[in-house]
Amino acid sequence: MSLDNISFSPLIETAEHHVALRESVAKLVGGFGRKYYQDVVARDASPVELWKALADAGFVGAHISEQYGGSGGGLADLNIIIEETAAQGCPLLYLVIQSICAPMIERHGSQELKDRWLPALAAGTKKMAFGITEPNAGSNTHKITTTATSTNNGWSLSGTKYWSSGVDEAEAMLVVARDGDLSTPERSVLSLFIVPTDAPGITKHRIDAALMSPEKQFTVFFDDVKLERDALVGVQGEGLRQVFVGLNPERVAAAAVNNGIACYAINKGSAYAKDRSVWGAPIGSHQGVSHPMAEAYIGVQSARLLTARAAQMFDNGEDAAEAANMAKFLAAESSLKALDQAMQVHGGNGLAFEYGLADLWFIARLHKTAPVSREMILNYVASHSLGLPKSY
């Protein structure tokens, strides 16, 4: 890392090339840095230059197969890229969205959809948003009401998606919808669709949110949106099974963002604790400062190790659900603790934008709730890992 006052454990790397990959990402993103990111957010703009640089270097498509223009490195590579980008003060949620959409298309899309979308996603020349959350469904995917019904020429899509990120910059949305042909009043059956964001019948309302990130959040309304027959991804009615191909990578990617923010915070806090002196001694020499920072570091390293392991399991074709969920849970908790402690070390300066910490708070806090809440992760671990009866 360019913020090299801390030597983070090499145990995180799960392949020989990961050290070099991390160094390359750190050099590239460090050339932009925290001030660049803050300026983009302040202007309500998009980090076009950073995105292009990441894409040109092959980092945006790291997890996409080489036959479609990606690097073929899998989720383990993308984990490092996302984490290190955030560790340089530039957490990009669009890299998280990349982790969701591309795997689902590559695993379940038709050859035509793969050829149409994967090379552009790998090159960073096109973006795709993801639509699953609804105002009245929350974490209960079975309650999705946005419905796709077949027509003579294709499909008709109607409904609402909520908290959809980056729709304004995306050429299309990957939408999880209730299949009107197969569903019954007692049971909802889901299908996946690629929906152009400029299709007639789509209305986007921006959500006024506390997140200080370049990616904007939207409520998206679909009013009898006409789709071609080939908008369907994979097999009709198997959307729930297909979507899980993207949800575990999404959890790993979200964890990577928070782990990177935590690394940035610990570096900043430690550097300040070394430089700031009171009564003739660096404040870092006092255990009241050093011990909380050390404890935060332990938590962050634990989260990073678990995240790297989850990514490795996914790439190996193993069941990564438990590890991915726990990684996301631990990364959210440990990053908030690290960020809070780094701000505390800075005193009043911790709240000043100049020091680059306070405006990271809501991005880190986001992943305590999204893409799946800590409570639902605890439900998962309780029932799947511990064998306890479900509470819902």
Protein backbone atom coordinates (compact mmCIF):
# COMPACT_ATOMS: atom_id res chain seq x y z
CA MET A 1 0.00 0.00 0.00
CA SER A 2 1.18 3.53 -0.60
CA LEU A 3 0.08 4.22 2.97
CA ASP A 4 2.91 1.94 3.98
CA ASN A 5 3.33 2.67 7.66
CA ILE A 6 1.62 -0.66 8.38
CA SER A 7 2.80 -3.98 6.98
CA PHE A 8 -0.38 -6.00 6.62
CA SER A 9 -0.06 -9.78 6.92
CA PRO A 10 0.91 -11.65 3.74
CA LEU A 11 -1.26 -14.53 5.00
CA ILE A 12 -4.15 -12.82 3.22
CA GLU A 13 -2.77 -13.70 -0.22
CA THR A 14 -3.98 -17.09 -1.47
CA ALA A 15 -1.98 -17.26 -4.72
CA GLU A 16 1.59 -16.40 -5.73
CA HIS A 17 0.58 -13.52 -7.99
CA HIS A 18 -1.56 -11.80 -5.36
CA VAL A 19 1.30 -9.81 -3.83
CA ALA A 20 2.18 -8.33 -7.23
CA LEU A 21 -1.51 -7.77 -8.01
CA ARG A 22 -2.00 -5.85 -4.77
CA GLU A 23 1.07 -3.73 -5.42
CA SER A 24 -0.13 -2.90 -8.93
CA VAL A 25 -3.59 -1.87 -7.76
CA ALA A 26 -2.11 0.19 -4.91
CA LYS A 27 0.16 2.04 -7.31
CA LEU A 28 -2.60 2.75 -9.80
CA VAL A 29 -5.31 3.82 -7.35
CA GLY A 30 -2.81 5.56 -5.06
CA GLY A 31 -2.06 7.85 -8.00
CA PHE A 32 -5.63 9.12 -7.69
CA GLY A 33 -5.96 8.91 -3.89
CA ARG A 34 -8.45 9.98 -1.29
CA LYS A 35 -8.61 13.63 -2.35
CA TYR A 36 -9.60 12.65 -5.87
CA TYR A 37 -12.43 10.49 -4.56
CA GLN A 38 -13.63 13.20 -2.18
CA ASP A 39 -13.63 15.74 -5.00
CA VAL A 40 -15.69 13.45 -7.24
CA VAL A 41 -18.27 12.99 -4.46
CA ALA A 42 -18.34 16.72 -3.70
CA ARG A 43 -19.07 17.47 -7.37
CA ASP A 44 -21.77 14.77 -7.47
CA ALA A 45 -19.81 13.30 -10.36
CA SER A 46 -18.54 9.90 -11.42
CA PRO A 47 -14.92 8.69 -11.07
CA VAL A 48 -14.62 8.28 -14.82
CA GLU A 49 -10.85 8.58 -14.89
CA LEU A 50 -10.31 6.03 -12.13
CA TRP A 51 -12.77 3.58 -13.65
CA LYS A 52 -11.08 3.83 -17.05
CA ALA A 53 -7.65 3.32 -15.50
CA LEU A 54 -8.85 0.23 -13.63
CA ALA A 55 -10.50 -1.10 -16.78
CA ASP A 56 -7.46 -0.44 -18.98
CA ALA A 57 -5.30 -2.32 -16.49
CA GLY A 58 -7.63 -5.33 -16.67
CA PHE A 59 -8.78 -5.02 -13.07
CA VAL A 60 -12.50 -4.46 -13.73
CA GLY A 61 -12.82 -7.83 -15.50
CA ALA A 62 -10.49 -9.80 -13.24
CA HIS A 63 -13.17 -12.37 -12.40
CA ILE A 64 -14.47 -12.85 -15.95
CA SER A 65 -13.14 -15.68 -18.13
CA GLU A 66 -10.38 -14.91 -20.60
CA GLN A 67 -12.55 -16.05 -23.52
CA TYR A 68 -14.79 -13.05 -22.84
CA GLY A 69 -11.95 -10.56 -22.41
CA GLY A 70 -11.48 -10.90 -18.66
CA SER A 71 -8.38 -11.90 -16.75
CA GLY A 72 -9.82 -15.21 -15.57
CA GLY A 73 -8.52 -14.64 -12.07
CA GLY A 74 -11.76 -15.35 -10.27
CA LEU A 75 -13.22 -13.88 -7.11
CA ALA A 76 -9.94 -14.16 -5.20
CA ASP A 77 -8.34 -11.64 -7.56
CA LEU A 78 -11.38 -9.37 -7.50
CA ASN A 79 -11.35 -9.44 -3.69
CA ILE A 80 -7.82 -8.03 -3.68
CA ILE A 81 -8.65 -5.41 -6.31
CA ILE A 82 -11.74 -4.19 -4.45
CA GLU A 83 -10.00 -4.20 -1.07
CA GLU A 84 -6.90 -2.41 -2.27
CA THR A 85 -8.92 0.20 -4.17
CA ALA A 86 -10.75 1.01 -0.94
CA ALA A 87 -7.50 0.89 1.05
CA GLN A 88 -6.24 3.74 -1.11
CA GLY A 89 -9.26 5.81 -0.05
CA CYS A 90 -11.42 5.11 -3.11
CA PRO A 91 -14.13 2.55 -2.24
CA LEU A 92 -16.01 1.79 -5.45
CA LEU A 93 -19.39 0.13 -5.04
CA TYR A 94 -19.56 -0.43 -8.79
CA LEU A 95 -16.89 -3.09 -8.40
CA VAL A 96 -19.29 -4.85 -6.03
CA ILE A 97 -22.04 -4.73 -8.66
CA GLN A 98 -19.58 -6.24 -11.14
CA SER A 99 -19.18 -9.18 -8.78
CA ILE A 100 -22.92 -9.90 -8.93
CA CYS A 101 -23.95 -9.54 -12.55
CA ALA A 102 -21.06 -11.02 -14.51
CA PRO A 103 -21.02 -14.43 -12.75
CA MET A 104 -24.76 -14.89 -13.24
CA ILE A 105 -24.54 -14.11 -16.94
CA GLU A 106 -21.44 -16.26 -17.42
CA ARG A 107 -22.93 -19.20 -15.56
CA HIS A 108 -26.53 -19.07 -16.80
CA GLY A 109 -26.83 -16.70 -19.75
CA SER A 110 -27.26 -17.82 -23.34
CA GLN A 111 -24.22 -17.70 -25.60
CA GLU A 112 -25.68 -14.61 -27.23
CA LEU A 113 -26.04 -12.82 -23.88
CA LYS A 114 -22.51 -13.81 -22.88
CA ASP A 115 -21.07 -12.50 -26.15
CA ARG A 116 -23.12 -9.31 -25.93
CA TRP A 117 -22.38 -8.38 -22.32
CA LEU A 118 -19.32 -10.06 -20.83
CA PRO A 119 -16.62 -8.50 -23.08
CA ALA A 120 -18.09 -5.02 -22.47
CA LEU A 121 -18.31 -5.61 -18.71
CA ALA A 122 -14.75 -6.94 -18.66
CA ALA A 123 -13.50 -3.92 -20.59
CA GLY A 124 -15.43 -1.52 -18.38
CA THR A 125 -17.08 0.06 -21.42
CA LYS A 126 -20.54 -0.92 -20.17
CA LYS A 127 -22.02 -1.19 -16.71
CA MET A 128 -24.91 -3.19 -15.38
CA ALA A 129 -27.02 -2.48 -12.29
CA PHE A 130 -28.75 -5.10 -10.16
CA GLY A 131 -32.39 -5.02 -9.12
CA ILE A 132 -33.62 -7.36 -6.39
CA THR A 133 -34.65 -5.26 -3.36
CA GLU A 134 -38.24 -4.01 -3.16
CA PRO A 135 -39.95 -1.64 -0.73
CA ASN A 136 -42.21 -4.30 0.73
CA ALA A 137 -40.10 -7.43 0.29
CA GLY A 138 -36.90 -6.61 2.16
CA SER A 139 -34.84 -9.75 2.71
CA ASN A 140 -37.77 -12.01 1.84
CA THR A 141 -37.11 -12.74 -1.82
CA HIS A 142 -40.23 -14.90 -1.99
CA LYS A 143 -42.34 -11.74 -1.54
CA ILE A 144 -41.05 -10.02 -4.67
CA THR A 145 -43.95 -8.48 -6.58
CA THR A 146 -42.20 -7.02 -9.64
CA THR A 147 -43.67 -9.34 -12.26
CA ALA A 148 -42.64 -10.44 -15.74
CA THR A 149 -45.34 -11.96 -17.92
CA SER A 150 -44.76 -13.49 -21.33
CA THR A 151 -46.30 -11.87 -24.41
CA ASN A 152 -46.45 -12.85 -28.07
CA ASN A 153 -43.13 -11.09 -28.74
CA GLY A 154 -41.33 -11.35 -25.41
CA TRP A 155 -42.11 -10.13 -21.93
CA SER A 156 -43.89 -7.36 -20.08
CA LEU A 157 -42.31 -6.18 -16.82
CA SER A 158 -44.10 -4.15 -14.14
CA GLY A 159 -43.22 -3.31 -10.54
CA THR A 160 -40.72 -1.43 -8.39
CA LYS A 161 -37.12 -1.95 -7.29
CA TYR A 162 -35.61 -0.06 -4.39
CA TRP A 163 -32.05 0.94 -3.45
CA SER A 164 -30.70 0.07 -6.88
CA SER A 165 -27.17 1.45 -7.16
CA GLY A 166 -25.71 3.18 -10.19
CA VAL A 167 -28.73 2.86 -12.47
CA ASP A 168 -27.95 6.27 -13.95
CA GLU A 169 -24.62 5.00 -15.34
CA ALA A 170 -25.70 1.52 -16.36
CA GLU A 171 -26.78 0.45 -19.81
CA ALA A 172 -28.95 -2.30 -18.31
CA MET A 173 -30.26 -3.80 -15.08
CA LEU A 174 -30.22 -7.44 -14.14
CA VAL A 175 -33.69 -7.71 -12.60
CA VAL A 176 -35.01 -10.48 -10.36
CA ALA A 177 -38.73 -10.74 -11.09
CA ARG A 178 -41.73 -12.84 -10.15
CA ASP A 179 -42.58 -15.02 -13.13
CA GLY A 180 -46.21 -14.31 -13.94
CA ASP A 181 -46.54 -17.47 -16.02
CA LEU A 182 -45.33 -19.91 -13.38
CA SER A 183 -46.23 -18.29 -10.07
CA THR A 184 -49.38 -19.00 -8.06
CA PRO A 185 -51.00 -17.03 -5.22
CA GLU A 186 -49.39 -19.51 -2.83
CA ARG A 187 -45.92 -19.65 -4.37
CA SER A 188 -43.80 -17.12 -6.23
CA VAL A 189 -41.44 -18.43 -8.90
CA LEU A 190 -38.59 -16.15 -9.96
CA SER A 191 -36.84 -15.49 -13.28
CA LEU A 192 -33.95 -13.21 -14.24
CA PHE A 193 -34.05 -10.55 -16.97
CA ILE A 194 -31.64 -8.09 -18.52
CA VAL A 195 -33.53 -4.81 -18.86
CA PRO A 196 -32.17 -1.82 -20.82
CA THR A 197 -32.24 1.23 -18.56
CA ASP A 198 -33.50 3.44 -21.39
CA ALA A 199 -36.48 1.21 -22.20
CA PRO A 200 -39.86 2.98 -22.41
CA GLY A 201 -41.83 2.58 -19.21
CA ILE A 202 -38.85 2.91 -16.84
CA THR A 203 -38.80 5.79 -14.35
CA LYS A 204 -35.87 6.41 -11.99
CA HIS A 205 -36.16 8.43 -8.78
CA ARG A 206 -32.94 9.18 -6.97
CA ILE A 207 -32.90 8.45 -3.22
CA ASP A 208 -31.55 11.29 -1.10
CA ALA A 209 -29.15 9.22 0.99
CA ALA A 210 -26.37 9.83 3.52
CA LEU A 211 -23.91 7.73 1.51
CA MET A 212 -20.96 9.85 0.40
CA SER A 213 -20.07 7.79 -2.63
CA PRO A 214 -20.11 8.40 -6.39
CA GLU A 215 -22.70 5.68 -6.95
CA LYS A 216 -26.20 7.08 -6.64
CA GLN A 217 -29.14 5.11 -5.26
CA PHE A 218 -32.51 4.86 -7.00
CA THR A 219 -36.06 3.66 -6.79
CA VAL A 220 -36.85 2.24 -10.22
CA PHE A 221 -40.41 1.90 -11.52
CA PHE A 222 -41.27 -0.50 -14.36
CA ASP A 223 -44.59 0.26 -16.05
CA ASP A 224 -45.38 -2.39 -18.66
CA VAL A 225 -41.79 -2.41 -19.92
CA LYS A 226 -41.58 -4.45 -23.12
CA LEU A 227 -38.66 -6.86 -23.35
CA GLU A 228 -37.42 -9.08 -26.14
CA ARG A 229 -37.70 -12.83 -25.69
CA ASP A 230 -33.92 -13.13 -25.22
CA ALA A 231 -33.99 -10.79 -22.21
CA LEU A 232 -34.47 -13.91 -20.07
CA VAL A 233 -31.28 -15.09 -18.37
CA GLY A 234 -31.00 -18.85 -18.03
CA VAL A 235 -34.00 -21.09 -17.48
CA GLN A 236 -37.42 -19.59 -16.87
CA GLY A 237 -38.52 -20.16 -13.28
CA GLU A 238 -35.05 -20.96 -11.92
CA GLY A 239 -34.16 -17.40 -10.97
CA LEU A 240 -33.85 -18.09 -7.26
CA ARG A 241 -31.24 -20.78 -7.84
CA GLN A 242 -29.47 -18.72 -10.46
CA VAL A 243 -29.29 -15.57 -8.37
CA PHE A 244 -27.24 -17.31 -5.69
CA VAL A 245 -24.39 -17.53 -8.17
CA GLY A 246 -24.07 -13.76 -7.68
CA LEU A 247 -25.07 -13.37 -4.04
CA ASN A 248 -22.07 -15.11 -2.48
CA PRO A 249 -19.62 -13.06 -4.58
CA GLU A 250 -21.62 -9.97 -3.61
CA ARG A 251 -21.06 -10.74 0.07
CA VAL A 252 -17.34 -11.25 -0.52
CA ALA A 253 -17.11 -8.04 -2.53
CA ALA A 254 -18.97 -6.05 0.12
CA ALA A 255 -16.60 -7.46 2.75
CA ALA A 256 -13.64 -6.45 0.58
CA VAL A 257 -14.85 -2.84 0.48
CA ASN A 258 -15.09 -2.71 4.27
CA ASN A 259 -11.77 -4.47 4.76
CA GLY A 260 -10.13 -1.90 2.51
CA ILE A 261 -11.75 0.99 4.38
CA ALA A 262 -10.52 -0.57 7.63
CA CYS A 263 -6.96 -0.84 6.29
CA TYR A 264 -7.08 2.81 5.25
CA ALA A 265 -8.40 3.84 8.67
CA ILE A 266 -5.81 1.84 10.61
CA ASN A 267 -3.02 3.29 8.49
CA LYS A 268 -4.26 6.83 9.02
CA GLY A 269 -4.86 6.32 12.74
CA SER A 270 -1.47 4.71 13.32
CA ALA A 271 0.38 7.40 11.38
CA TYR A 272 -1.37 10.13 13.36
CA ALA A 273 -0.65 8.37 16.65
CA LYS A 274 3.05 8.34 15.78
CA ASP A 275 3.22 11.97 14.67
CA ARG A 276 0.93 13.66 17.19
CA SER A 277 2.75 14.42 20.45
CA VAL A 278 1.30 15.58 23.74
CA TRP A 279 3.46 16.44 26.76
CA GLY A 280 6.59 15.40 24.92
CA ALA A 281 5.50 11.91 23.82
CA PRO A 282 3.65 10.50 20.78
CA ILE A 283 0.08 9.71 21.72
CA GLY A 284 0.60 6.23 20.32
CA SER A 285 2.89 5.44 23.23
CA HIS A 286 -0.11 5.46 25.57
CA GLN A 287 -1.94 2.18 25.95
CA GLY A 288 -5.26 4.00 25.92
CA VAL A 289 -4.51 4.75 22.26
CA SER A 290 -2.36 1.81 21.21
CA HIS A 291 -4.44 -1.03 22.65
CA PRO A 292 -7.73 -0.11 20.92
CA MET A 293 -5.85 0.31 17.65
CA ALA A 294 -4.18 -3.08 18.11
CA GLU A 295 -7.52 -4.70 18.87
CA ALA A 296 -9.03 -3.11 15.76
CA TYR A 297 -6.12 -4.42 13.69
CA ILE A 298 -6.72 -7.97 14.97
CA GLY A 299 -10.38 -7.77 14.01
CA VAL A 300 -9.60 -6.45 10.55
CA GLN A 301 -6.98 -9.09 9.87
CA SER A 302 -9.44 -11.78 10.92
CA ALA A 303 -12.06 -10.39 8.54
CA ARG A 304 -9.57 -10.20 5.68
CA LEU A 305 -8.48 -13.80 6.19
CA LEU A 306 -12.06 -15.04 6.25
CA THR A 307 -12.93 -13.01 3.14
CA ALA A 308 -9.93 -14.34 1.23
CA ARG A 309 -10.88 -17.89 2.22
CA ALA A 310 -14.49 -17.38 1.08
CA ALA A 311 -13.29 -16.11 -2.31
CA GLN A 312 -10.92 -19.05 -2.64
CA MET A 313 -13.71 -21.52 -1.83
CA PHE A 314 -16.01 -19.95 -4.42
CA ASP A 315 -13.32 -20.15 -7.10
CA ASN A 316 -12.70 -23.80 -6.22
CA GLY A 317 -16.37 -24.63 -6.71
CA GLU A 318 -16.91 -25.31 -3.01
CA ASP A 319 -19.95 -24.22 -1.02
CA ALA A 320 -18.86 -20.75 0.06
CA ALA A 321 -22.16 -19.60 1.56
CA GLU A 322 -21.19 -19.91 5.22
CA ALA A 323 -17.76 -18.34 4.74
CA ALA A 324 -19.10 -15.53 2.53
CA ASN A 325 -21.85 -14.64 4.98
CA MET A 326 -19.51 -14.70 7.98
CA ALA A 327 -16.88 -12.68 6.10
CA LYS A 328 -19.40 -9.98 5.27
CA PHE A 329 -20.64 -9.91 8.88
CA LEU A 330 -17.15 -9.70 10.39
CA ALA A 331 -15.88 -7.16 7.86
CA ALA A 332 -18.76 -4.79 8.58
CA GLU A 333 -18.31 -5.02 12.35
CA SER A 334 -14.50 -4.79 12.35
CA SER A 335 -14.32 -1.97 9.82
CA LEU A 336 -16.70 0.21 11.81
CA LYS A 337 -14.63 -0.42 14.93
CA ALA A 338 -11.39 0.41 13.10
CA LEU A 339 -12.83 3.54 11.51
CA ASP A 340 -14.33 4.73 14.80
CA GLN A 341 -11.03 4.21 16.60
CA ALA A 342 -9.03 5.99 13.90
CA MET A 343 -11.41 8.94 14.17
CA GLN A 344 -11.05 8.90 17.97
CA VAL A 345 -7.25 8.96 17.68
CA HIS A 346 -7.56 12.08 15.54
CA GLY A 347 -9.73 13.83 18.11
CA GLY A 348 -11.68 16.68 16.57
CA ASN A 349 -9.71 16.27 13.35
CA GLY A 350 -11.39 12.91 12.88
CA LEU A 351 -14.56 14.76 11.89
CA ALA A 352 -12.83 17.06 9.41
CA PHE A 353 -13.09 16.07 5.76
CA GLU A 354 -9.45 17.10 5.39
CA TYR A 355 -8.38 13.95 7.22
CA GLY A 356 -10.50 11.68 5.03
CA LEU A 357 -12.12 9.49 7.68
CA ALA A 358 -15.55 10.76 8.69
CA ASP A 359 -16.98 10.69 5.17
CA LEU A 360 -16.19 6.97 4.92
CA TRP A 361 -18.51 6.18 7.83
CA PHE A 362 -21.76 5.66 5.94
CA ILE A 363 -20.17 3.50 3.23
CA ALA A 364 -18.79 1.24 5.95
CA ARG A 365 -22.09 1.35 7.85
CA LEU A 366 -24.02 0.43 4.69
CA HIS A 367 -22.65 -3.09 4.73
CA LYS A 368 -23.91 -3.74 8.21
CA THR A 369 -27.35 -3.63 6.59
CA ALA A 370 -26.74 -4.45 2.92
CA PRO A 371 -26.56 -6.52 0.79
CA VAL A 372 -27.95 -8.71 3.56
CA SER A 373 -28.51 -7.56 7.13
CA ARG A 374 -26.44 -8.79 10.05
CA GLU A 375 -29.62 -10.28 11.52
CA MET A 376 -30.25 -12.43 8.43
CA ILE A 377 -26.63 -13.61 8.51
CA LEU A 378 -27.06 -14.60 12.14
CA ASN A 379 -30.26 -16.42 11.15
CA TYR A 380 -28.32 -18.26 8.45
CA VAL A 381 -25.47 -19.28 10.74
CA ALA A 382 -27.87 -20.30 13.51
CA SER A 383 -29.90 -22.58 11.24
CA HIS A 384 -27.31 -23.83 8.74
CA SER A 385 -24.15 -23.95 10.84
CA LEU A 386 -25.58 -24.70 14.27
CA GLY A 387 -28.62 -26.69 13.21
CA LEU A 388 -31.00 -24.56 15.25
CA PRO A 389 -34.66 -24.21 14.26
CA LYS A 390 -35.52 -21.25 12.05
CA SER A 391 -37.03 -18.17 13.63
CA TYR A 392 -38.91 -17.21 10.48
